N, C-alpha and C. Protein backbone atom coordinates (compact mmCIF):
# COMPACT_ATOMS: atom_id res chain seq x y z
N MET A 1 -162.49 96.57 23.30
CA MET A 1 -161.15 96.26 23.82
C MET A 1 -160.86 97.14 25.04
N VAL A 2 -160.31 96.51 26.07
CA VAL A 2 -159.99 97.25 27.29
C VAL A 2 -158.82 98.20 27.04
N ASP A 3 -158.76 99.24 27.84
CA ASP A 3 -157.66 100.19 27.75
C ASP A 3 -156.96 100.25 29.10
N TYR A 4 -155.85 99.53 29.18
CA TYR A 4 -155.05 99.51 30.40
C TYR A 4 -153.68 100.15 30.18
N GLY A 5 -153.61 101.09 29.27
CA GLY A 5 -152.37 101.82 29.08
C GLY A 5 -151.63 101.47 27.81
N ASP A 6 -150.68 102.32 27.45
CA ASP A 6 -149.95 102.19 26.20
C ASP A 6 -148.99 101.01 26.19
N THR A 7 -148.26 100.80 27.27
CA THR A 7 -147.26 99.74 27.30
C THR A 7 -147.92 98.38 27.16
N PHE A 8 -148.99 98.17 27.90
CA PHE A 8 -149.71 96.90 27.83
C PHE A 8 -150.22 96.65 26.42
N ALA A 9 -150.77 97.68 25.79
CA ALA A 9 -151.29 97.52 24.43
C ALA A 9 -150.17 97.13 23.46
N LEU A 10 -149.00 97.71 23.62
CA LEU A 10 -147.87 97.38 22.75
C LEU A 10 -147.40 95.95 22.98
N TRP A 11 -147.26 95.56 24.23
CA TRP A 11 -146.82 94.19 24.52
C TRP A 11 -147.82 93.17 23.98
N ARG A 12 -149.08 93.43 24.21
CA ARG A 12 -150.13 92.51 23.74
C ARG A 12 -150.10 92.41 22.22
N ALA A 13 -149.92 93.54 21.53
CA ALA A 13 -149.89 93.54 20.07
C ALA A 13 -148.65 92.83 19.52
N GLU A 14 -147.57 92.82 20.28
CA GLU A 14 -146.34 92.16 19.82
C GLU A 14 -146.42 90.64 19.96
N HIS A 15 -147.36 90.14 20.74
CA HIS A 15 -147.45 88.70 20.98
C HIS A 15 -148.90 88.22 20.85
N PRO A 16 -149.51 88.42 19.68
CA PRO A 16 -150.94 88.13 19.53
C PRO A 16 -151.29 86.65 19.71
N GLU A 17 -150.45 85.74 19.24
CA GLU A 17 -150.78 84.32 19.35
C GLU A 17 -150.77 83.86 20.79
N ALA A 18 -149.71 84.22 21.51
CA ALA A 18 -149.63 83.84 22.93
C ALA A 18 -150.76 84.47 23.73
N TRP A 19 -151.08 85.73 23.40
CA TRP A 19 -152.12 86.42 24.15
C TRP A 19 -153.49 85.79 23.91
N ARG A 20 -153.78 85.42 22.68
CA ARG A 20 -155.08 84.80 22.39
C ARG A 20 -155.16 83.41 23.02
N GLU A 21 -154.07 82.65 22.97
CA GLU A 21 -154.08 81.33 23.59
C GLU A 21 -154.38 81.43 25.07
N TYR A 22 -153.88 82.46 25.71
CA TYR A 22 -154.14 82.69 27.13
C TYR A 22 -155.57 83.17 27.38
N THR A 23 -155.98 84.23 26.71
CA THR A 23 -157.25 84.88 27.03
C THR A 23 -158.46 84.18 26.43
N HIS A 24 -158.24 83.27 25.45
CA HIS A 24 -159.34 82.52 24.86
C HIS A 24 -159.13 81.01 25.03
N HIS A 25 -158.39 80.65 26.04
CA HIS A 25 -158.13 79.24 26.31
C HIS A 25 -159.45 78.50 26.53
N ARG A 26 -159.47 77.20 26.25
CA ARG A 26 -160.74 76.46 26.41
C ARG A 26 -161.20 76.43 27.85
N PHE A 27 -160.29 76.58 28.81
CA PHE A 27 -160.70 76.72 30.21
C PHE A 27 -161.53 78.00 30.37
N VAL A 28 -161.06 79.09 29.78
CA VAL A 28 -161.77 80.37 29.86
C VAL A 28 -163.13 80.28 29.18
N GLU A 29 -163.14 79.67 28.01
CA GLU A 29 -164.41 79.55 27.29
C GLU A 29 -165.39 78.66 28.06
N GLY A 30 -164.87 77.69 28.81
CA GLY A 30 -165.72 76.87 29.65
C GLY A 30 -166.34 77.64 30.80
N LEU A 31 -165.60 78.63 31.32
CA LEU A 31 -166.18 79.52 32.32
C LEU A 31 -167.34 80.33 31.72
N LYS A 32 -167.14 80.76 30.49
CA LYS A 32 -168.13 81.61 29.83
C LYS A 32 -169.44 80.89 29.59
N ASP A 33 -169.36 79.67 29.05
CA ASP A 33 -170.60 78.97 28.68
C ASP A 33 -171.04 77.92 29.70
N GLY A 34 -170.27 77.76 30.78
CA GLY A 34 -170.66 76.85 31.83
C GLY A 34 -170.28 75.40 31.60
N THR A 35 -169.52 75.11 30.54
CA THR A 35 -169.18 73.72 30.22
C THR A 35 -167.94 73.23 30.96
N LEU A 36 -167.24 74.12 31.64
CA LEU A 36 -166.06 73.70 32.40
C LEU A 36 -166.47 72.74 33.50
N LEU A 37 -165.77 71.61 33.61
CA LEU A 37 -166.08 70.64 34.65
C LEU A 37 -165.82 71.25 36.02
N ARG A 38 -166.73 70.99 36.93
CA ARG A 38 -166.59 71.54 38.28
C ARG A 38 -165.30 71.07 38.94
N GLU A 39 -164.91 69.84 38.68
CA GLU A 39 -163.67 69.32 39.25
C GLU A 39 -162.47 70.13 38.78
N ALA A 40 -162.48 70.49 37.48
CA ALA A 40 -161.38 71.29 36.94
C ALA A 40 -161.36 72.69 37.58
N TYR A 41 -162.55 73.25 37.80
CA TYR A 41 -162.65 74.56 38.41
C TYR A 41 -162.12 74.54 39.84
N LEU A 42 -162.48 73.51 40.60
CA LEU A 42 -162.02 73.43 41.98
C LEU A 42 -160.51 73.19 42.06
N THR A 43 -160.00 72.37 41.14
CA THR A 43 -158.54 72.18 41.08
C THR A 43 -157.85 73.51 40.81
N TYR A 44 -158.41 74.27 39.88
CA TYR A 44 -157.88 75.60 39.58
C TYR A 44 -157.91 76.50 40.80
N LEU A 45 -159.02 76.53 41.52
CA LEU A 45 -159.14 77.41 42.67
C LEU A 45 -158.10 77.08 43.74
N VAL A 46 -157.87 75.80 43.96
CA VAL A 46 -156.87 75.40 44.95
C VAL A 46 -155.49 75.87 44.51
N GLN A 47 -155.14 75.61 43.25
CA GLN A 47 -153.82 76.01 42.77
C GLN A 47 -153.70 77.54 42.67
N ASP A 48 -154.80 78.21 42.33
CA ASP A 48 -154.74 79.66 42.22
C ASP A 48 -154.60 80.30 43.59
N TYR A 49 -155.15 79.67 44.63
CA TYR A 49 -154.94 80.17 45.99
C TYR A 49 -153.44 80.18 46.30
N ILE A 50 -152.76 79.08 45.99
CA ILE A 50 -151.31 79.01 46.21
C ILE A 50 -150.60 80.04 45.35
N PHE A 51 -151.02 80.15 44.10
CA PHE A 51 -150.42 81.14 43.19
C PHE A 51 -150.55 82.54 43.76
N LEU A 52 -151.73 82.88 44.26
CA LEU A 52 -151.96 84.23 44.75
C LEU A 52 -151.14 84.56 45.99
N ILE A 53 -150.81 83.57 46.78
CA ILE A 53 -149.91 83.79 47.90
C ILE A 53 -148.56 84.28 47.39
N HIS A 54 -148.02 83.57 46.39
CA HIS A 54 -146.74 83.97 45.81
C HIS A 54 -146.86 85.29 45.04
N PHE A 55 -147.98 85.45 44.35
CA PHE A 55 -148.20 86.67 43.57
C PHE A 55 -148.26 87.89 44.50
N SER A 56 -148.86 87.73 45.65
CA SER A 56 -148.90 88.81 46.64
C SER A 56 -147.49 89.16 47.10
N ARG A 57 -146.66 88.14 47.29
CA ARG A 57 -145.27 88.39 47.66
C ARG A 57 -144.55 89.17 46.56
N ALA A 58 -144.85 88.83 45.30
CA ALA A 58 -144.21 89.52 44.19
C ALA A 58 -144.61 91.00 44.14
N TRP A 59 -145.91 91.28 44.38
CA TRP A 59 -146.34 92.68 44.40
C TRP A 59 -145.78 93.41 45.62
N ALA A 60 -145.60 92.70 46.74
CA ALA A 60 -144.94 93.32 47.89
C ALA A 60 -143.49 93.65 47.54
N LEU A 61 -142.85 92.78 46.75
CA LEU A 61 -141.49 93.06 46.29
C LEU A 61 -141.47 94.31 45.41
N ALA A 62 -142.55 94.52 44.66
CA ALA A 62 -142.63 95.72 43.82
C ALA A 62 -142.56 96.99 44.66
N VAL A 63 -143.10 96.93 45.88
CA VAL A 63 -143.01 98.10 46.77
C VAL A 63 -141.55 98.43 47.04
N THR A 64 -140.73 97.41 47.25
CA THR A 64 -139.32 97.66 47.56
C THR A 64 -138.53 98.08 46.34
N LYS A 65 -139.03 97.71 45.13
CA LYS A 65 -138.35 98.07 43.89
C LYS A 65 -138.77 99.46 43.39
N ALA A 66 -139.84 99.99 43.95
CA ALA A 66 -140.37 101.28 43.49
C ALA A 66 -139.42 102.42 43.83
N GLU A 67 -139.56 103.51 43.06
CA GLU A 67 -138.72 104.69 43.27
C GLU A 67 -139.48 105.89 43.78
N THR A 68 -140.81 105.83 43.72
CA THR A 68 -141.61 106.97 44.15
C THR A 68 -142.72 106.50 45.09
N PRO A 69 -143.23 107.39 45.92
CA PRO A 69 -144.36 107.01 46.79
C PRO A 69 -145.57 106.55 46.00
N GLU A 70 -145.83 107.15 44.84
CA GLU A 70 -146.99 106.75 44.06
C GLU A 70 -146.84 105.32 43.56
N GLU A 71 -145.65 104.97 43.07
CA GLU A 71 -145.41 103.58 42.67
C GLU A 71 -145.63 102.64 43.85
N MET A 72 -145.16 103.05 45.00
CA MET A 72 -145.32 102.21 46.20
C MET A 72 -146.79 102.05 46.56
N ARG A 73 -147.56 103.12 46.48
CA ARG A 73 -148.98 103.06 46.83
C ARG A 73 -149.74 102.11 45.90
N LEU A 74 -149.47 102.20 44.59
CA LEU A 74 -150.17 101.36 43.63
C LEU A 74 -149.82 99.90 43.82
N ALA A 75 -148.55 99.62 44.07
CA ALA A 75 -148.14 98.23 44.32
C ALA A 75 -148.78 97.71 45.60
N ALA A 76 -148.81 98.54 46.63
CA ALA A 76 -149.41 98.12 47.89
C ALA A 76 -150.91 97.90 47.74
N ARG A 77 -151.58 98.73 46.95
CA ARG A 77 -153.01 98.54 46.72
C ARG A 77 -153.29 97.21 46.04
N THR A 78 -152.41 96.82 45.14
CA THR A 78 -152.58 95.54 44.45
C THR A 78 -152.43 94.38 45.43
N VAL A 79 -151.47 94.48 46.33
CA VAL A 79 -151.31 93.44 47.35
C VAL A 79 -152.60 93.31 48.16
N THR A 80 -153.17 94.42 48.56
CA THR A 80 -154.40 94.41 49.33
C THR A 80 -155.54 93.78 48.55
N SER A 81 -155.67 94.11 47.27
CA SER A 81 -156.72 93.55 46.44
C SER A 81 -156.58 92.03 46.32
N LEU A 82 -155.36 91.57 46.15
CA LEU A 82 -155.13 90.13 46.03
C LEU A 82 -155.51 89.40 47.31
N LEU A 83 -155.06 89.94 48.43
CA LEU A 83 -155.27 89.26 49.70
C LEU A 83 -156.71 89.36 50.18
N ASP A 84 -157.36 90.48 49.91
CA ASP A 84 -158.70 90.70 50.45
C ASP A 84 -159.81 90.29 49.48
N GLU A 85 -159.61 90.51 48.17
CA GLU A 85 -160.67 90.26 47.21
C GLU A 85 -160.54 88.88 46.55
N GLU A 86 -159.45 88.67 45.85
CA GLU A 86 -159.31 87.42 45.09
C GLU A 86 -159.24 86.19 46.00
N LEU A 87 -158.43 86.26 47.04
CA LEU A 87 -158.36 85.12 47.94
C LEU A 87 -159.71 84.86 48.61
N GLY A 88 -160.44 85.94 48.87
CA GLY A 88 -161.76 85.78 49.47
C GLY A 88 -162.70 84.99 48.59
N LEU A 89 -162.66 85.24 47.28
CA LEU A 89 -163.49 84.49 46.34
C LEU A 89 -163.13 83.01 46.39
N HIS A 90 -161.84 82.71 46.40
CA HIS A 90 -161.41 81.32 46.45
C HIS A 90 -161.88 80.64 47.73
N ILE A 91 -161.69 81.32 48.84
CA ILE A 91 -162.07 80.73 50.14
C ILE A 91 -163.56 80.46 50.20
N LYS A 92 -164.36 81.44 49.73
CA LYS A 92 -165.83 81.30 49.76
C LYS A 92 -166.29 80.14 48.88
N THR A 93 -165.77 80.07 47.66
CA THR A 93 -166.19 79.02 46.73
C THR A 93 -165.78 77.65 47.22
N CYS A 94 -164.55 77.52 47.69
CA CYS A 94 -164.07 76.23 48.15
C CYS A 94 -164.77 75.80 49.44
N ALA A 95 -165.11 76.75 50.30
CA ALA A 95 -165.83 76.41 51.54
C ALA A 95 -167.16 75.75 51.22
N ALA A 96 -167.81 76.21 50.16
CA ALA A 96 -169.09 75.61 49.75
C ALA A 96 -168.92 74.17 49.27
N GLU A 97 -167.69 73.82 48.91
CA GLU A 97 -167.39 72.46 48.46
C GLU A 97 -166.72 71.63 49.56
N GLY A 98 -166.68 72.18 50.78
CA GLY A 98 -166.12 71.44 51.89
C GLY A 98 -164.63 71.59 52.09
N LEU A 99 -164.03 72.57 51.41
CA LEU A 99 -162.59 72.82 51.55
C LEU A 99 -162.36 74.08 52.38
N SER A 100 -161.64 73.95 53.47
CA SER A 100 -161.34 75.09 54.32
C SER A 100 -160.11 75.83 53.82
N GLU A 101 -159.87 77.02 54.36
CA GLU A 101 -158.66 77.74 53.98
C GLU A 101 -157.42 76.96 54.41
N ALA A 102 -157.51 76.26 55.52
CA ALA A 102 -156.39 75.42 55.95
C ALA A 102 -156.09 74.34 54.91
N ASP A 103 -157.17 73.78 54.31
CA ASP A 103 -156.98 72.79 53.25
C ASP A 103 -156.28 73.41 52.05
N LEU A 104 -156.69 74.62 51.69
CA LEU A 104 -156.08 75.30 50.55
C LEU A 104 -154.60 75.57 50.81
N PHE A 105 -154.31 76.07 52.00
CA PHE A 105 -152.93 76.43 52.33
C PHE A 105 -152.02 75.20 52.36
N ALA A 106 -152.60 74.05 52.72
CA ALA A 106 -151.81 72.82 52.85
C ALA A 106 -151.74 72.02 51.55
N ALA A 107 -152.45 72.45 50.51
CA ALA A 107 -152.50 71.69 49.26
C ALA A 107 -151.12 71.61 48.61
N ARG A 108 -150.91 70.53 47.89
CA ARG A 108 -149.64 70.34 47.17
C ARG A 108 -149.60 71.23 45.94
N GLU A 109 -148.51 71.92 45.75
CA GLU A 109 -148.38 72.86 44.63
C GLU A 109 -148.00 72.11 43.35
N HIS A 110 -148.73 72.39 42.28
CA HIS A 110 -148.45 71.80 40.98
C HIS A 110 -147.10 72.31 40.47
N THR A 111 -146.38 71.43 39.73
CA THR A 111 -145.05 71.82 39.26
C THR A 111 -145.11 73.03 38.32
N HIS A 112 -146.17 73.14 37.52
CA HIS A 112 -146.28 74.31 36.64
C HIS A 112 -146.51 75.58 37.46
N ASN A 113 -147.24 75.46 38.53
CA ASN A 113 -147.46 76.59 39.42
C ASN A 113 -146.12 77.05 40.00
N ILE A 114 -145.30 76.09 40.41
CA ILE A 114 -143.97 76.42 40.92
C ILE A 114 -143.16 77.15 39.86
N ALA A 115 -143.18 76.64 38.63
CA ALA A 115 -142.41 77.25 37.55
C ALA A 115 -142.85 78.69 37.29
N TYR A 116 -144.14 78.91 37.26
CA TYR A 116 -144.66 80.25 36.96
C TYR A 116 -144.35 81.24 38.08
N THR A 117 -144.71 80.87 39.29
CA THR A 117 -144.55 81.83 40.39
C THR A 117 -143.08 82.14 40.65
N ARG A 118 -142.23 81.14 40.55
CA ARG A 118 -140.81 81.41 40.79
C ARG A 118 -140.19 82.22 39.65
N TYR A 119 -140.73 82.05 38.44
CA TYR A 119 -140.28 82.89 37.33
C TYR A 119 -140.56 84.36 37.63
N VAL A 120 -141.77 84.63 38.10
CA VAL A 120 -142.14 86.02 38.41
C VAL A 120 -141.28 86.56 39.55
N LEU A 121 -141.11 85.79 40.60
CA LEU A 121 -140.30 86.26 41.73
C LEU A 121 -138.84 86.45 41.32
N ASP A 122 -138.32 85.57 40.48
CA ASP A 122 -136.94 85.73 40.02
C ASP A 122 -136.79 86.99 39.18
N ALA A 123 -137.82 87.30 38.38
CA ALA A 123 -137.76 88.54 37.58
C ALA A 123 -137.59 89.74 38.49
N GLY A 124 -138.28 89.73 39.62
CA GLY A 124 -138.18 90.85 40.55
C GLY A 124 -136.88 90.86 41.32
N HIS A 125 -136.43 89.70 41.77
CA HIS A 125 -135.20 89.65 42.56
C HIS A 125 -133.96 89.93 41.72
N SER A 126 -133.96 89.46 40.47
CA SER A 126 -132.78 89.62 39.63
C SER A 126 -132.80 90.90 38.81
N GLY A 127 -133.98 91.50 38.64
CA GLY A 127 -134.09 92.71 37.83
C GLY A 127 -134.60 93.89 38.63
N ASP A 128 -135.12 94.88 37.91
CA ASP A 128 -135.67 96.06 38.57
C ASP A 128 -137.19 96.04 38.48
N LEU A 129 -137.83 97.16 38.78
CA LEU A 129 -139.29 97.20 38.78
C LEU A 129 -139.86 96.89 37.40
N LEU A 130 -139.19 97.31 36.33
CA LEU A 130 -139.70 97.05 35.00
C LEU A 130 -139.72 95.55 34.70
N ASP A 131 -138.67 94.85 35.06
CA ASP A 131 -138.64 93.40 34.86
C ASP A 131 -139.79 92.74 35.61
N LEU A 132 -140.01 93.17 36.83
CA LEU A 132 -141.06 92.59 37.65
C LEU A 132 -142.44 92.89 37.08
N LEU A 133 -142.68 94.13 36.68
CA LEU A 133 -143.98 94.50 36.13
C LEU A 133 -144.27 93.77 34.82
N ALA A 134 -143.25 93.57 34.00
CA ALA A 134 -143.46 92.83 32.75
C ALA A 134 -143.89 91.40 33.02
N ALA A 135 -143.36 90.80 34.08
CA ALA A 135 -143.74 89.43 34.44
C ALA A 135 -145.09 89.37 35.14
N LEU A 136 -145.47 90.43 35.84
CA LEU A 136 -146.74 90.47 36.57
C LEU A 136 -147.92 90.85 35.68
N ALA A 137 -147.67 91.64 34.65
CA ALA A 137 -148.75 92.24 33.87
C ALA A 137 -149.73 91.23 33.26
N PRO A 138 -149.28 90.12 32.66
CA PRO A 138 -150.26 89.23 32.03
C PRO A 138 -151.33 88.72 32.97
N CYS A 139 -151.00 88.49 34.22
CA CYS A 139 -152.00 87.97 35.15
C CYS A 139 -153.04 89.03 35.48
N VAL A 140 -152.62 90.13 36.08
CA VAL A 140 -153.60 91.11 36.56
C VAL A 140 -154.36 91.73 35.40
N LEU A 141 -153.67 92.11 34.32
CA LEU A 141 -154.36 92.77 33.22
C LEU A 141 -155.09 91.76 32.33
N GLY A 142 -154.55 90.57 32.21
CA GLY A 142 -155.23 89.54 31.44
C GLY A 142 -156.54 89.12 32.09
N TYR A 143 -156.54 88.96 33.40
CA TYR A 143 -157.78 88.60 34.09
C TYR A 143 -158.82 89.72 33.95
N GLY A 144 -158.35 90.96 34.00
CA GLY A 144 -159.28 92.07 33.79
C GLY A 144 -159.90 92.04 32.41
N GLU A 145 -159.07 91.78 31.40
CA GLU A 145 -159.58 91.71 30.04
C GLU A 145 -160.53 90.53 29.86
N ILE A 146 -160.15 89.38 30.40
CA ILE A 146 -161.00 88.20 30.31
C ILE A 146 -162.33 88.44 31.01
N GLY A 147 -162.28 88.99 32.21
CA GLY A 147 -163.51 89.25 32.94
C GLY A 147 -164.44 90.18 32.19
N ALA A 148 -163.89 91.25 31.60
CA ALA A 148 -164.72 92.20 30.86
C ALA A 148 -165.37 91.54 29.65
N ARG A 149 -164.61 90.71 28.94
CA ARG A 149 -165.18 90.04 27.76
C ARG A 149 -166.23 89.01 28.15
N LEU A 150 -165.93 88.19 29.15
CA LEU A 150 -166.88 87.16 29.54
C LEU A 150 -168.17 87.76 30.10
N ALA A 151 -168.08 88.90 30.75
CA ALA A 151 -169.29 89.55 31.26
C ALA A 151 -170.23 89.92 30.12
N ARG A 152 -169.67 90.26 28.97
CA ARG A 152 -170.49 90.60 27.80
C ARG A 152 -171.03 89.36 27.11
N GLN A 153 -170.27 88.26 27.16
CA GLN A 153 -170.59 87.10 26.34
C GLN A 153 -171.11 85.89 27.11
N LYS A 154 -171.11 85.92 28.43
CA LYS A 154 -171.39 84.72 29.22
C LYS A 154 -172.81 84.21 29.00
N SER A 155 -172.93 82.89 29.16
CA SER A 155 -174.23 82.25 29.13
C SER A 155 -175.00 82.62 30.40
N GLY A 156 -176.28 82.77 30.26
CA GLY A 156 -177.09 83.18 31.40
C GLY A 156 -177.13 82.16 32.52
N ASN A 157 -176.80 80.91 32.23
CA ASN A 157 -176.87 79.88 33.27
C ASN A 157 -175.49 79.32 33.64
N THR A 158 -174.43 80.03 33.30
CA THR A 158 -173.11 79.54 33.70
C THR A 158 -172.98 79.57 35.22
N PRO A 159 -172.47 78.50 35.82
CA PRO A 159 -172.29 78.48 37.27
C PRO A 159 -171.08 79.28 37.73
N TYR A 160 -170.37 79.86 36.78
CA TYR A 160 -169.15 80.58 37.12
C TYR A 160 -169.33 82.10 37.04
N ALA A 161 -170.58 82.53 37.18
CA ALA A 161 -170.88 83.96 37.09
C ALA A 161 -170.17 84.77 38.18
N ASP A 162 -170.03 84.21 39.37
CA ASP A 162 -169.35 84.95 40.44
C ASP A 162 -167.90 85.24 40.08
N TRP A 163 -167.24 84.26 39.49
CA TRP A 163 -165.85 84.46 39.05
C TRP A 163 -165.80 85.57 38.01
N ILE A 164 -166.66 85.47 37.02
CA ILE A 164 -166.69 86.46 35.95
C ILE A 164 -166.99 87.85 36.49
N ASP A 165 -167.98 87.94 37.36
CA ASP A 165 -168.38 89.23 37.89
C ASP A 165 -167.27 89.87 38.73
N THR A 166 -166.50 89.04 39.42
CA THR A 166 -165.38 89.57 40.22
C THR A 166 -164.39 90.29 39.34
N TYR A 167 -164.01 89.68 38.22
CA TYR A 167 -162.97 90.27 37.37
C TYR A 167 -163.52 91.31 36.40
N ALA A 168 -164.83 91.29 36.19
CA ALA A 168 -165.46 92.33 35.36
C ALA A 168 -165.89 93.53 36.19
N GLY A 169 -165.86 93.38 37.52
CA GLY A 169 -166.40 94.41 38.39
C GLY A 169 -165.58 95.68 38.43
N ASP A 170 -166.19 96.72 38.94
CA ASP A 170 -165.58 98.05 38.95
C ASP A 170 -164.25 98.06 39.70
N GLU A 171 -164.18 97.33 40.81
CA GLU A 171 -162.95 97.36 41.61
C GLU A 171 -161.78 96.75 40.85
N THR A 172 -162.01 95.60 40.21
CA THR A 172 -160.93 94.98 39.44
C THR A 172 -160.57 95.83 38.24
N GLN A 173 -161.57 96.36 37.54
CA GLN A 173 -161.27 97.17 36.35
C GLN A 173 -160.52 98.45 36.72
N SER A 174 -160.88 99.06 37.85
CA SER A 174 -160.15 100.23 38.31
C SER A 174 -158.71 99.88 38.65
N LEU A 175 -158.53 98.74 39.30
CA LEU A 175 -157.18 98.29 39.63
C LEU A 175 -156.36 98.07 38.37
N CYS A 176 -156.96 97.45 37.36
CA CYS A 176 -156.24 97.21 36.10
C CYS A 176 -155.81 98.51 35.44
N ARG A 177 -156.68 99.50 35.45
CA ARG A 177 -156.31 100.79 34.87
C ARG A 177 -155.17 101.42 35.67
N ASP A 178 -155.21 101.28 36.98
CA ASP A 178 -154.14 101.82 37.82
C ASP A 178 -152.81 101.10 37.57
N VAL A 179 -152.88 99.77 37.43
CA VAL A 179 -151.66 99.02 37.14
C VAL A 179 -151.10 99.39 35.77
N GLY A 180 -151.99 99.56 34.79
CA GLY A 180 -151.53 100.01 33.48
C GLY A 180 -150.85 101.36 33.54
N ALA A 181 -151.41 102.28 34.34
CA ALA A 181 -150.79 103.59 34.52
C ALA A 181 -149.46 103.47 35.26
N LEU A 182 -149.40 102.56 36.22
CA LEU A 182 -148.14 102.33 36.93
C LEU A 182 -147.06 101.87 35.96
N ILE A 183 -147.40 100.93 35.07
CA ILE A 183 -146.43 100.43 34.10
C ILE A 183 -145.98 101.55 33.16
N ASP A 184 -146.93 102.33 32.65
CA ASP A 184 -146.57 103.43 31.75
C ASP A 184 -145.67 104.44 32.45
N GLY A 185 -146.02 104.79 33.69
CA GLY A 185 -145.21 105.75 34.43
C GLY A 185 -143.83 105.23 34.73
N ALA A 186 -143.74 103.95 35.11
CA ALA A 186 -142.43 103.36 35.41
C ALA A 186 -141.57 103.30 34.15
N MET A 187 -142.18 103.01 33.03
CA MET A 187 -141.45 102.99 31.76
C MET A 187 -140.91 104.38 31.43
N GLY A 188 -141.78 105.37 31.48
CA GLY A 188 -141.35 106.73 31.16
C GLY A 188 -140.27 107.24 32.08
N ARG A 189 -140.39 106.92 33.35
CA ARG A 189 -139.43 107.39 34.34
C ARG A 189 -138.04 106.77 34.12
N ARG A 190 -138.00 105.51 33.67
CA ARG A 190 -136.73 104.80 33.56
C ARG A 190 -136.17 104.74 32.15
N LEU A 191 -137.08 104.71 31.15
CA LEU A 191 -136.62 104.54 29.76
C LEU A 191 -136.90 105.74 28.86
N GLY A 192 -137.60 106.75 29.38
CA GLY A 192 -137.87 107.93 28.58
C GLY A 192 -139.21 107.88 27.88
N SER A 193 -139.46 108.88 27.06
CA SER A 193 -140.78 109.05 26.45
C SER A 193 -141.06 108.07 25.32
N ASP A 194 -140.04 107.40 24.81
CA ASP A 194 -140.22 106.43 23.72
C ASP A 194 -139.52 105.13 24.10
N PRO A 195 -140.10 104.39 25.05
CA PRO A 195 -139.41 103.21 25.57
C PRO A 195 -139.15 102.13 24.54
N GLN A 196 -139.90 102.09 23.46
CA GLN A 196 -139.66 101.09 22.42
C GLN A 196 -138.29 101.24 21.78
N GLN A 197 -137.72 102.42 21.87
CA GLN A 197 -136.40 102.66 21.30
C GLN A 197 -135.28 102.30 22.26
N SER A 198 -135.64 101.94 23.47
CA SER A 198 -134.63 101.58 24.46
C SER A 198 -134.05 100.20 24.17
N PRO A 199 -132.77 99.99 24.43
CA PRO A 199 -132.18 98.65 24.28
C PRO A 199 -132.84 97.61 25.18
N ARG A 200 -133.55 98.05 26.20
CA ARG A 200 -134.18 97.12 27.13
C ARG A 200 -135.56 96.63 26.67
N TRP A 201 -136.14 97.31 25.69
CA TRP A 201 -137.52 97.02 25.34
C TRP A 201 -137.73 95.55 24.94
N ALA A 202 -136.89 95.03 24.08
CA ALA A 202 -137.08 93.66 23.58
C ALA A 202 -137.07 92.65 24.71
N ALA A 203 -136.17 92.82 25.67
CA ALA A 203 -136.10 91.88 26.78
C ALA A 203 -137.33 91.98 27.67
N LEU A 204 -137.82 93.18 27.89
CA LEU A 204 -139.02 93.35 28.71
C LEU A 204 -140.25 92.76 28.01
N SER A 205 -140.34 92.98 26.70
CA SER A 205 -141.45 92.40 25.96
C SER A 205 -141.38 90.88 25.98
N ALA A 206 -140.18 90.34 25.92
CA ALA A 206 -140.01 88.89 25.99
C ALA A 206 -140.44 88.35 27.36
N ARG A 207 -140.17 89.10 28.42
CA ARG A 207 -140.63 88.69 29.75
C ARG A 207 -142.16 88.61 29.77
N PHE A 208 -142.79 89.62 29.20
CA PHE A 208 -144.25 89.63 29.14
C PHE A 208 -144.76 88.41 28.38
N GLU A 209 -144.13 88.08 27.27
CA GLU A 209 -144.57 86.95 26.46
C GLU A 209 -144.38 85.62 27.21
N THR A 210 -143.26 85.49 27.92
CA THR A 210 -143.03 84.26 28.69
C THR A 210 -144.09 84.10 29.77
N ALA A 211 -144.38 85.18 30.49
CA ALA A 211 -145.40 85.10 31.54
C ALA A 211 -146.77 84.81 30.94
N THR A 212 -147.04 85.31 29.76
CA THR A 212 -148.31 85.03 29.08
C THR A 212 -148.42 83.55 28.76
N ARG A 213 -147.35 82.95 28.25
CA ARG A 213 -147.36 81.51 27.96
C ARG A 213 -147.53 80.69 29.24
N LEU A 214 -146.92 81.14 30.31
CA LEU A 214 -147.09 80.45 31.58
C LEU A 214 -148.52 80.56 32.09
N GLU A 215 -149.19 81.68 31.81
CA GLU A 215 -150.60 81.82 32.18
C GLU A 215 -151.46 80.81 31.42
N ALA A 216 -151.22 80.65 30.12
CA ALA A 216 -151.98 79.66 29.35
C ALA A 216 -151.75 78.26 29.91
N GLY A 217 -150.51 77.99 30.29
CA GLY A 217 -150.20 76.70 30.89
C GLY A 217 -150.89 76.50 32.23
N PHE A 218 -151.12 77.60 32.95
CA PHE A 218 -151.81 77.50 34.23
C PHE A 218 -153.24 77.03 34.03
N TRP A 219 -153.92 77.56 33.00
CA TRP A 219 -155.26 77.05 32.69
C TRP A 219 -155.19 75.56 32.38
N ALA A 220 -154.25 75.20 31.51
CA ALA A 220 -154.19 73.84 30.99
C ALA A 220 -153.92 72.81 32.06
N MET A 221 -153.13 73.17 33.08
CA MET A 221 -152.74 72.19 34.09
C MET A 221 -153.93 71.68 34.90
N ASN A 222 -155.03 72.41 34.88
CA ASN A 222 -156.20 72.03 35.67
C ASN A 222 -157.17 71.14 34.91
N LEU A 223 -156.94 70.98 33.61
CA LEU A 223 -157.86 70.22 32.77
C LEU A 223 -157.44 68.75 32.71
N PRO A 224 -158.39 67.84 32.56
CA PRO A 224 -158.03 66.44 32.41
C PRO A 224 -157.27 66.21 31.10
N GLU A 225 -156.43 65.20 31.12
CA GLU A 225 -155.62 64.89 29.93
C GLU A 225 -156.54 64.52 28.75
């Protein structure tokens, strides 16, 4: 099991069904064993490119919600990772299929994608850094956990090894640990040494659970009916 900090572990433990549905979704298992249809994967990449544009904006918003330079640095590093690493994977893979970055940028956004990304952005605009981090955590930390597991379990001939290796790689895993530390530090700074006793804890945990369910729906929207 990955260790991305105390807060993440508590949130994940409070919502085991939603977390498993997300991290063991049949889309994910198809990446692992190579059975995922290529068409579904390419649809996902196009929609995830759009998602990452909005997600980068959300992490940039985290910079403005931060209270310390260290919080700002970690949020800014995440923006850089999204724009330079994850988007690069999408562009490279889609280019091999004849899709340019201009094609990706011009693609029509799925309604579920709209619902998810605007939920995250609204959490940041209407709340503070904790609200935003609770909505952001399932994506960045969930992908790290998925990547680490699939790297151990993947089929030797899966065509999705590049995707798996990206999220299992040292850079992504280091980023996940840093984000987990950011969440723990932000919690301690704002809610004290025992944040579970705070009146805000239940609402923050619920934000995490909602974003987790939206992540599972993001996988599902790319699969054929």
